[in-house]
PDB file of all heavy atoms in Angstrom:
ATOM      1  N   ARG A   1      35.102 114.057  49.303  1.00  0.00           N
ATOM      2  CA  ARG A   1      34.139 114.898  50.018  1.00  0.00           C
ATOM      3  C   ARG A   1      33.197 115.676  49.106  1.00  0.00           C
ATOM      4  O   ARG A   1      32.266 116.338  49.575  1.00  0.00           O
ATOM      5  CB  ARG A   1      34.905 115.858  50.943  1.00  0.00           C
ATOM      6  CG  ARG A   1      35.594 115.091  52.066  1.00  0.00           C
ATOM      7  CD  ARG A   1      36.736 115.845  52.694  1.00  0.00           C
ATOM      8  NE  ARG A   1      36.315 116.655  53.807  1.00  0.00           N
ATOM      9  CZ  ARG A   1      37.157 117.081  54.764  1.00  0.00           C
ATOM     10  NH1 ARG A   1      38.430 116.736  54.734  1.00  0.00           N
ATOM     11  NH2 ARG A   1      36.711 117.832  55.743  1.00  0.00           N
ATOM     12  N   ILE A   2      33.411 115.581  47.810  1.00  0.00           N
ATOM     13  CA  ILE A   2      32.577 116.382  46.908  1.00  0.00           C
ATOM     14  C   ILE A   2      31.138 115.871  46.841  1.00  0.00           C
ATOM     15  O   ILE A   2      30.212 116.629  46.520  1.00  0.00           O
ATOM     16  CB  ILE A   2      33.189 116.439  45.490  1.00  0.00           C
ATOM     17  CG1 ILE A   2      32.499 117.556  44.683  1.00  0.00           C
ATOM     18  CG2 ILE A   2      33.091 115.091  44.794  1.00  0.00           C
ATOM     19  CD1 ILE A   2      33.143 117.843  43.358  1.00  0.00           C
ATOM     20  N   ALA A   3      30.936 114.596  47.159  1.00  0.00           N
ATOM     21  CA  ALA A   3      29.577 114.044  47.090  1.00  0.00           C
ATOM     22  C   ALA A   3      28.613 114.781  48.020  1.00  0.00           C
ATOM     23  O   ALA A   3      27.409 114.811  47.773  1.00  0.00           O
ATOM     24  CB  ALA A   3      29.592 112.557  47.426  1.00  0.00           C
ATOM     25  N   ASP A   4      29.144 115.386  49.083  1.00  0.00           N
ATOM     26  CA  ASP A   4      28.294 116.078  50.052  1.00  0.00           C
ATOM     27  C   ASP A   4      28.208 117.584  49.792  1.00  0.00           C
ATOM     28  O   ASP A   4      27.603 118.311  50.577  1.00  0.00           O
ATOM     29  CB  ASP A   4      28.822 115.844  51.472  1.00  0.00           C
ATOM     30  CG  ASP A   4      28.761 114.377  51.871  1.00  0.00           C
ATOM     31  OD1 ASP A   4      27.766 113.723  51.514  1.00  0.00           O
ATOM     32  OD2 ASP A   4      29.701 113.885  52.514  1.00  0.00           O
ATOM     33  N   ALA A   5      28.828 118.051  48.699  1.00  0.00           N
ATOM     34  CA  ALA A   5      28.882 119.493  48.438  1.00  0.00           C
ATOM     35  C   ALA A   5      27.891 119.904  47.362  1.00  0.00           C
ATOM     36  O   ALA A   5      27.626 119.168  46.413  1.00  0.00           O
ATOM     37  CB  ALA A   5      30.298 119.897  48.014  1.00  0.00           C
ATOM     38  N   ASP A   6      27.333 121.111  47.513  1.00  0.00           N
ATOM     39  CA  ASP A   6      26.480 121.703  46.491  1.00  0.00           C
ATOM     40  C   ASP A   6      27.293 122.538  45.514  1.00  0.00           C
ATOM     41  O   ASP A   6      26.873 122.757  44.382  1.00  0.00           O
ATOM     42  CB  ASP A   6      25.424 122.594  47.140  1.00  0.00           C
ATOM     43  CG  ASP A   6      24.483 121.802  48.025  1.00  0.00           C
ATOM     44  OD1 ASP A   6      23.770 120.938  47.499  1.00  0.00           O
ATOM     45  OD2 ASP A   6      24.478 122.031  49.248  1.00  0.00           O
ATOM     46  N   ILE A   7      28.453 123.023  45.961  1.00  0.00           N
ATOM     47  CA  ILE A   7      29.299 123.873  45.139  1.00  0.00           C
ATOM     48  C   ILE A   7      30.727 123.802  45.691  1.00  0.00           C
ATOM     49  O   ILE A   7      30.926 123.566  46.883  1.00  0.00           O
ATOM     50  CB  ILE A   7      28.788 125.339  45.128  1.00  0.00           C
ATOM     51  CG1 ILE A   7      29.595 126.194  44.150  1.00  0.00           C
ATOM     52  CG2 ILE A   7      28.769 125.935  46.522  1.00  0.00           C
ATOM     53  CD1 ILE A   7      28.999 127.599  43.936  1.00  0.00           C
ATOM     54  N   VAL A   8      31.705 123.991  44.806  1.00  0.00           N
ATOM     55  CA  VAL A   8      33.119 123.999  45.202  1.00  0.00           C
ATOM     56  C   VAL A   8      33.693 125.382  44.946  1.00  0.00           C
ATOM     57  O   VAL A   8      33.486 125.957  43.873  1.00  0.00           O
ATOM     58  CB  VAL A   8      33.926 122.959  44.401  1.00  0.00           C
ATOM     59  CG1 VAL A   8      35.412 123.034  44.769  1.00  0.00           C
ATOM     60  CG2 VAL A   8      33.402 121.553  44.651  1.00  0.00           C
ATOM     61  N   ILE A   9      34.399 125.912  45.950  1.00  0.00           N
ATOM     62  CA  ILE A   9      35.188 127.131  45.772  1.00  0.00           C
ATOM     63  C   ILE A   9      36.645 126.700  45.871  1.00  0.00           C
ATOM     64  O   ILE A   9      37.079 126.169  46.898  1.00  0.00           O
ATOM     65  CB  ILE A   9      34.866 128.196  46.824  1.00  0.00           C
ATOM     66  CG1 ILE A   9      33.380 128.552  46.769  1.00  0.00           C
ATOM     67  CG2 ILE A   9      35.723 129.440  46.623  1.00  0.00           C
ATOM     68  CD1 ILE A   9      32.953 129.520  47.864  1.00  0.00           C
ATOM     69  N   LEU A  10      37.402 126.920  44.821  1.00  0.00           N
ATOM     70  CA  LEU A  10      38.730 126.324  44.695  1.00  0.00           C
ATOM     71  C   LEU A  10      39.781 127.370  44.346  1.00  0.00           C
ATOM     72  O   LEU A  10      39.671 128.057  43.329  1.00  0.00           O
ATOM     73  CB  LEU A  10      38.679 125.241  43.606  1.00  0.00           C
ATOM     74  CG  LEU A  10      39.980 124.577  43.187  1.00  0.00           C
ATOM     75  CD1 LEU A  10      40.608 123.812  44.341  1.00  0.00           C
ATOM     76  CD2 LEU A  10      39.720 123.646  42.000  1.00  0.00           C
ATOM     77  N   ASP A  11      40.796 127.465  45.206  1.00  0.00           N
ATOM     78  CA  ASP A  11      41.923 128.356  44.920  1.00  0.00           C
ATOM     79  C   ASP A  11      42.875 127.676  43.947  1.00  0.00           C
ATOM     80  O   ASP A  11      43.083 126.455  44.017  1.00  0.00           O
ATOM     81  CB  ASP A  11      42.653 128.711  46.217  1.00  0.00           C
ATOM     82  CG  ASP A  11      43.762 129.730  45.985  1.00  0.00           C
ATOM     83  OD1 ASP A  11      43.480 130.771  45.367  1.00  0.00           O
ATOM     84  OD2 ASP A  11      44.906 129.466  46.400  1.00  0.00           O
ATOM     85  N   VAL A  12      43.463 128.441  43.041  1.00  0.00           N
ATOM     86  CA  VAL A  12      44.374 127.868  42.043  1.00  0.00           C
ATOM     87  C   VAL A  12      45.720 127.494  42.651  1.00  0.00           C
ATOM     88  O   VAL A  12      46.266 126.427  42.381  1.00  0.00           O
ATOM     89  CB  VAL A  12      44.570 128.844  40.867  1.00  0.00           C
ATOM     90  CG1 VAL A  12      45.701 128.372  39.955  1.00  0.00           C
ATOM     91  CG2 VAL A  12      43.276 128.982  40.073  1.00  0.00           C
ATOM     92  N   MET A  13      46.274 128.375  43.501  1.00  0.00           N
ATOM     93  CA  MET A  13      47.609 128.157  44.066  1.00  0.00           C
ATOM     94  C   MET A  13      47.497 127.328  45.336  1.00  0.00           C
ATOM     95  O   MET A  13      47.171 127.833  46.407  1.00  0.00           O
ATOM     96  CB  MET A  13      48.279 129.505  44.360  1.00  0.00           C
ATOM     97  CG  MET A  13      48.437 130.386  43.132  1.00  0.00           C
ATOM     98  SD  MET A  13      49.519 129.646  41.876  1.00  0.00           S
ATOM     99  CE  MET A  13      51.103 129.737  42.723  1.00  0.00           C
ATOM    100  N   LEU A  14      47.750 126.025  45.200  1.00  0.00           N
ATOM    101  CA  LEU A  14      47.670 125.114  46.331  1.00  0.00           C
ATOM    102  C   LEU A  14      48.984 124.353  46.490  1.00  0.00           C
ATOM    103  O   LEU A  14      49.700 124.144  45.509  1.00  0.00           O
ATOM    104  CB  LEU A  14      46.539 124.094  46.122  1.00  0.00           C
ATOM    105  CG  LEU A  14      45.105 124.607  46.077  1.00  0.00           C
ATOM    106  CD1 LEU A  14      44.166 123.471  45.676  1.00  0.00           C
ATOM    107  CD2 LEU A  14      44.690 125.184  47.426  1.00  0.00           C
ATOM    108  N   PRO A  15      49.306 123.907  47.701  1.00  0.00           N
ATOM    109  CA  PRO A  15      50.479 123.051  47.879  1.00  0.00           C
ATOM    110  C   PRO A  15      50.206 121.679  47.267  1.00  0.00           C
ATOM    111  O   PRO A  15      49.073 121.199  47.267  1.00  0.00           O
ATOM    112  CB  PRO A  15      50.618 122.956  49.403  1.00  0.00           C
ATOM    113  CG  PRO A  15      49.235 123.185  49.923  1.00  0.00           C
ATOM    114  CD  PRO A  15      48.611 124.165  48.977  1.00  0.00           C
ATOM    115  N   GLY A  16      51.242 121.061  46.729  1.00  0.00           N
ATOM    116  CA  GLY A  16      51.029 119.769  46.082  1.00  0.00           C
ATOM    117  C   GLY A  16      50.378 119.979  44.728  1.00  0.00           C
ATOM    118  O   GLY A  16      50.842 120.778  43.916  1.00  0.00           O
ATOM    119  N   LEU A  17      49.273 119.287  44.485  1.00  0.00           N
ATOM    120  CA  LEU A  17      48.558 119.448  43.222  1.00  0.00           C
ATOM    121  C   LEU A  17      47.946 120.841  43.135  1.00  0.00           C
ATOM    122  O   LEU A  17      47.328 121.312  44.085  1.00  0.00           O
ATOM    123  CB  LEU A  17      47.448 118.398  43.106  1.00  0.00           C
ATOM    124  CG  LEU A  17      47.884 116.932  43.009  1.00  0.00           C
ATOM    125  CD1 LEU A  17      46.665 116.026  43.009  1.00  0.00           C
ATOM    126  CD2 LEU A  17      48.714 116.692  41.757  1.00  0.00           C
ATOM    127  N   ASP A  18      48.126 121.504  41.979  1.00  0.00           N
ATOM    128  CA  ASP A  18      47.557 122.845  41.847  1.00  0.00           C
ATOM    129  C   ASP A  18      46.050 122.765  41.629  1.00  0.00           C
ATOM    130  O   ASP A  18      45.475 121.701  41.410  1.00  0.00           O
ATOM    131  CB  ASP A  18      48.238 123.621  40.722  1.00  0.00           C
ATOM    132  CG  ASP A  18      48.030 123.001  39.344  1.00  0.00           C
ATOM    133  OD1 ASP A  18      46.970 122.376  39.118  1.00  0.00           O
ATOM    134  OD2 ASP A  18      48.920 123.135  38.495  1.00  0.00           O
ATOM    135  N   GLY A  19      45.412 123.933  41.716  1.00  0.00           N
ATOM    136  CA  GLY A  19      43.966 123.987  41.628  1.00  0.00           C
ATOM    137  C   GLY A  19      43.411 123.508  40.297  1.00  0.00           C
ATOM    138  O   GLY A  19      42.304 122.960  40.248  1.00  0.00           O
ATOM    139  N   PHE A  20      44.175 123.701  39.214  1.00  0.00           N
ATOM    140  CA  PHE A  20      43.703 123.233  37.916  1.00  0.00           C
ATOM    141  C   PHE A  20      43.564 121.703  37.914  1.00  0.00           C
ATOM    142  O   PHE A  20      42.575 121.156  37.446  1.00  0.00           O
ATOM    143  CB  PHE A  20      44.662 123.671  36.807  1.00  0.00           C
ATOM    144  CG  PHE A  20      44.715 125.156  36.596  1.00  0.00           C
ATOM    145  CD1 PHE A  20      45.915 125.841  36.617  1.00  0.00           C
ATOM    146  CD2 PHE A  20      43.550 125.895  36.378  1.00  0.00           C
ATOM    147  CE1 PHE A  20      45.965 127.209  36.415  1.00  0.00           C
ATOM    148  CE2 PHE A  20      43.585 127.270  36.175  1.00  0.00           C
ATOM    149  CZ  PHE A  20      44.801 127.925  36.194  1.00  0.00           C
ATOM    150  N   THR A  21      44.579 121.031  38.443  1.00  0.00           N
ATOM    151  CA  THR A  21      44.551 119.563  38.481  1.00  0.00           C
ATOM    152  C   THR A  21      43.457 119.067  39.420  1.00  0.00           C
ATOM    153  O   THR A  21      42.697 118.150  39.092  1.00  0.00           O
ATOM    154  CB  THR A  21      45.910 119.012  38.929  1.00  0.00           C
ATOM    155  OG1 THR A  21      46.930 119.493  38.039  1.00  0.00           O
ATOM    156  CG2 THR A  21      45.907 117.490  38.919  1.00  0.00           C
ATOM    157  N   VAL A  22      43.381 119.681  40.610  1.00  0.00           N
ATOM    158  CA  VAL A  22      42.357 119.291  41.577  1.00  0.00           C
ATOM    159  C   VAL A  22      40.968 119.515  40.988  1.00  0.00           C
ATOM    160  O   VAL A  22      40.079 118.663  41.103  1.00  0.00           O
ATOM    161  CB  VAL A  22      42.514 120.079  42.888  1.00  0.00           C
ATOM    162  CG1 VAL A  22      41.333 119.797  43.831  1.00  0.00           C
ATOM    163  CG2 VAL A  22      43.827 119.712  43.577  1.00  0.00           C
ATOM    164  N   GLY A  23      40.774 120.647  40.340  1.00  0.00           N
ATOM    165  CA  GLY A  23      39.470 120.963  39.767  1.00  0.00           C
ATOM    166  C   GLY A  23      39.050 119.986  38.690  1.00  0.00           C
ATOM    167  O   GLY A  23      37.875 119.592  38.616  1.00  0.00           O
ATOM    168  N   GLN A  24      39.989 119.572  37.852  1.00  0.00           N
ATOM    169  CA  GLN A  24      39.670 118.606  36.803  1.00  0.00           C
ATOM    170  C   GLN A  24      39.234 117.275  37.407  1.00  0.00           C
ATOM    171  O   GLN A  24      38.302 116.621  36.917  1.00  0.00           O
ATOM    172  CB  GLN A  24      40.878 118.416  35.892  1.00  0.00           C
ATOM    173  CG  GLN A  24      41.156 119.627  35.010  1.00  0.00           C
ATOM    174  CD  GLN A  24      42.517 119.574  34.346  1.00  0.00           C
ATOM    175  OE1 GLN A  24      43.343 118.721  34.663  1.00  0.00           O
ATOM    176  NE2 GLN A  24      42.762 120.493  33.420  1.00  0.00           N
ATOM    177  N   ARG A  25      39.899 116.864  38.491  1.00  0.00           N
ATOM    178  CA  ARG A  25      39.535 115.606  39.152  1.00  0.00           C
ATOM    179  C   ARG A  25      38.162 115.712  39.811  1.00  0.00           C
ATOM    180  O   ARG A  25      37.379 114.769  39.776  1.00  0.00           O
ATOM    181  CB  ARG A  25      40.608 115.234  40.184  1.00  0.00           C
ATOM    182  CG  ARG A  25      41.942 114.877  39.553  1.00  0.00           C
ATOM    183  CD  ARG A  25      42.953 114.422  40.591  1.00  0.00           C
ATOM    184  NE  ARG A  25      44.215 114.050  39.944  1.00  0.00           N
ATOM    185  CZ  ARG A  25      45.271 113.561  40.604  1.00  0.00           C
ATOM    186  NH1 ARG A  25      45.214 113.387  41.917  1.00  0.00           N
ATOM    187  NH2 ARG A  25      46.370 113.239  39.951  1.00  0.00           N
ATOM    188  N   LEU A  26      37.887 116.867  40.406  1.00  0.00           N
ATOM    189  CA  LEU A  26      36.587 117.060  41.040  1.00  0.00           C
ATOM    190  C   LEU A  26      35.464 117.045  40.012  1.00  0.00           C
ATOM    191  O   LEU A  26      34.399 116.469  40.244  1.00  0.00           O
ATOM    192  CB  LEU A  26      36.573 118.374  41.826  1.00  0.00           C
ATOM    193  CG  LEU A  26      37.447 118.432  43.078  1.00  0.00           C
ATOM    194  CD1 LEU A  26      37.449 119.843  43.657  1.00  0.00           C
ATOM    195  CD2 LEU A  26      36.963 117.441  44.127  1.00  0.00           C
ATOM    196  N   LYS A  27      35.702 117.688  38.887  1.00  0.00           N
ATOM    197  CA  LYS A  27      34.664 117.748  37.850  1.00  0.00           C
ATOM    198  C   LYS A  27      34.394 116.363  37.277  1.00  0.00           C
ATOM    199  O   LYS A  27      33.243 116.020  36.952  1.00  0.00           O
ATOM    200  CB  LYS A  27      35.089 118.701  36.734  1.00  0.00           C
ATOM    201  CG  LYS A  27      33.914 119.241  35.934  1.00  0.00           C
ATOM    202  CD  LYS A  27      33.019 120.101  36.824  1.00  0.00           C
ATOM    203  CE  LYS A  27      31.915 120.769  36.054  1.00  0.00           C
ATOM    204  NZ  LYS A  27      31.016 121.543  36.933  1.00  0.00           N
ATOM    205  N   LYS A  28      35.436 115.559  37.161  1.00  0.00           N
ATOM    206  CA  LYS A  28      35.248 114.191  36.680  1.00  0.00           C
ATOM    207  C   LYS A  28      34.455 113.370  37.688  1.00  0.00           C
ATOM    208  O   LYS A  28      33.598 112.564  37.325  1.00  0.00           O
ATOM    209  CB  LYS A  28      36.601 113.531  36.417  1.00  0.00           C
ATOM    210  CG  LYS A  28      36.488 112.115  35.885  1.00  0.00           C
ATOM    211  CD  LYS A  28      37.860 111.510  35.611  1.00  0.00           C
ATOM    212  CE  LYS A  28      37.714 110.081  35.082  1.00  0.00           C
ATOM    213  NZ  LYS A  28      39.036 109.454  34.828  1.00  0.00           N
ATOM    214  N   ALA A  29      34.744 113.583  38.976  1.00  0.00           N
ATOM    215  CA  ALA A  29      34.067 112.819  40.025  1.00  0.00           C
ATOM    216  C   ALA A  29      32.609 113.230  40.179  1.00  0.00           C
ATOM    217  O   ALA A  29      31.755 112.405  40.502  1.00  0.00           O
ATOM    218  CB  ALA A  29      34.796 112.995  41.355  1.00  0.00           C
ATOM    219  N   SER A  30      32.307 114.512  39.960  1.00  0.00           N
ATOM    220  CA  SER A  30      30.933 114.999  40.139  1.00  0.00           C
ATOM    221  C   SER A  30      30.639 116.076  39.096  1.00  0.00           C
ATOM    222  O   SER A  30      30.729 117.275  39.384  1.00  0.00           O
ATOM    223  CB  SER A  30      30.750 115.566  41.556  1.00  0.00           C
ATOM    224  OG  SER A  30      29.419 115.938  41.790  1.00  0.00           O
ATOM    225  N   PRO A  31      30.313 115.668  37.865  1.00  0.00           N
ATOM    226  CA  PRO A  31      30.152 116.625  36.762  1.00  0.00           C
ATOM    227  C   PRO A  31      29.097 117.696  37.001  1.00  0.00           C
ATOM    228  O   PRO A  31      29.179 118.782  36.431  1.00  0.00           O
ATOM    229  CB  PRO A  31      29.762 115.724  35.577  1.00  0.00           C
ATOM    230  CG  PRO A  31      30.240 114.362  35.952  1.00  0.00           C
ATOM    231  CD  PRO A  31      30.107 114.277  37.435  1.00  0.00           C
ATOM    232  N   GLN A  32      28.086 117.395  37.831  1.00  0.00           N
ATOM    233  CA  GLN A  32      26.987 118.342  38.023  1.00  0.00           C
ATOM    234  C   GLN A  32      27.226 119.344  39.150  1.00  0.00           C
ATOM    235  O   GLN A  32      26.400 120.224  39.380  1.00  0.00           O
ATOM    236  CB  GLN A  32      25.693 117.565  38.307  1.00  0.00           C
ATOM    237  CG  GLN A  32      25.290 116.631  37.180  1.00  0.00           C
ATOM    238  CD  GLN A  32      25.106 117.360  35.874  1.00  0.00           C
ATOM    239  OE1 GLN A  32      24.359 118.335  35.798  1.00  0.00           O
ATOM    240  NE2 GLN A  32      25.779 116.905  34.830  1.00  0.00           N
ATOM    241  N   THR A  33      28.366 119.223  39.862  1.00  0.00           N
ATOM    242  CA  THR A  33      28.652 120.154  40.956  1.00  0.00           C
ATOM    243  C   THR A  33      29.434 121.346  40.422  1.00  0.00           C
ATOM    244  O   THR A  33      30.529 121.172  39.881  1.00  0.00           O
ATOM    245  CB  THR A  33      29.466 119.466  42.070  1.00  0.00           C
ATOM    246  OG1 THR A  33      28.757 118.315  42.535  1.00  0.00           O
ATOM    247  CG2 THR A  33      29.689 120.420  43.239  1.00  0.00           C
ATOM    248  N   PRO A  34      28.911 122.565  40.536  1.00  0.00           N
ATOM    249  CA  PRO A  34      29.616 123.733  39.995  1.00  0.00           C
ATOM    250  C   PRO A  34      30.891 124.042  40.759  1.00  0.00           C
ATOM    251  O   PRO A  34      30.972 123.849  41.974  1.00  0.00           O
ATOM    252  CB  PRO A  34      28.592 124.869  40.140  1.00  0.00           C
ATOM    253  CG  PRO A  34      27.679 124.416  41.235  1.00  0.00           C
ATOM    254  CD  PRO A  34      27.618 122.921  41.142  1.00  0.00           C
ATOM    255  N   ILE A  35      31.887 124.525  40.031  1.00  0.00           N
ATOM    256  CA  ILE A  35      33.182 124.898  40.610  1.00  0.00           C
ATOM    257  C   ILE A  35      33.453 126.363  40.325  1.00  0.00           C
ATOM    258  O   ILE A  35      33.378 126.807  39.174  1.00  0.00           O
ATOM    259  CB  ILE A  35      34.319 124.037  40.030  1.00  0.00           C
ATOM    260  CG1 ILE A  35      34.117 122.560  40.390  1.00  0.00           C
ATOM    261  CG2 ILE A  35      35.684 124.525  40.524  1.00  0.00           C
ATOM    262  CD1 ILE A  35      35.146 121.621  39.771  1.00  0.00           C
ATOM    263  N   LEU A  36      33.766 127.109  41.380  1.00  0.00           N
ATOM    264  CA  LEU A  36      34.153 128.511  41.265  1.00  0.00           C
ATOM    265  C   LEU A  36      35.637 128.617  41.597  1.00  0.00           C
ATOM    266  O   LEU A  36      36.052 128.300  42.712  1.00  0.00           O
ATOM    267  CB  LEU A  36      33.331 129.371  42.225  1.00  0.00           C
ATOM    268  CG  LEU A  36      33.740 130.834  42.412  1.00  0.00           C
ATOM    269  CD1 LEU A  36      33.711 131.583  41.088  1.00  0.00           C
ATOM    270  CD2 LEU A  36      32.834 131.515  43.429  1.00  0.00           C
ATOM    271  N   LEU A  37      36.429 129.028  40.627  1.00  0.00           N
ATOM    272  CA  LEU A  37      37.876 129.167  40.836  1.00  0.00           C
ATOM    273  C   LEU A  37      38.212 130.544  41.391  1.00  0.00           C
ATOM    274  O   LEU A  37      37.660 131.548  40.943  1.00  0.00           O
ATOM    275  CB  LEU A  37      38.622 128.980  39.510  1.00  0.00           C
ATOM    276  CG  LEU A  37      39.037 127.582  39.065  1.00  0.00           C
ATOM    277  CD1 LEU A  37      39.822 127.674  37.762  1.00  0.00           C
ATOM    278  CD2 LEU A  37      39.869 126.884  40.128  1.00  0.00           C
ATOM    279  N   LEU A  38      39.128 130.564  42.353  1.00  0.00           N
ATOM    280  CA  LEU A  38      39.672 131.811  42.879  1.00  0.00           C
ATOM    281  C   LEU A  38      41.145 131.880  42.534  1.00  0.00           C
ATOM    282  O   LEU A  38      41.874 130.897  42.707  1.00  0.00           O
ATOM    283  CB  LEU A  38      39.514 131.869  44.404  1.00  0.00           C
ATOM    284  CG  LEU A  38      38.101 131.752  44.985  1.00  0.00           C
ATOM    285  CD1 LEU A  38      38.173 131.790  46.506  1.00  0.00           C
ATOM    286  CD2 LEU A  38      37.205 132.862  44.465  1.00  0.00           C
TER     287      LEU A  38
END
């Protein structure tokens, strides 16, 4: 779903994969989309 986003707001504490892992995958998939960690 990141292809349709202008920006990502991502919480670190998530069920399953944590926010650090999810964020790294998102950045790889769309390097130009900014990510704001909470």
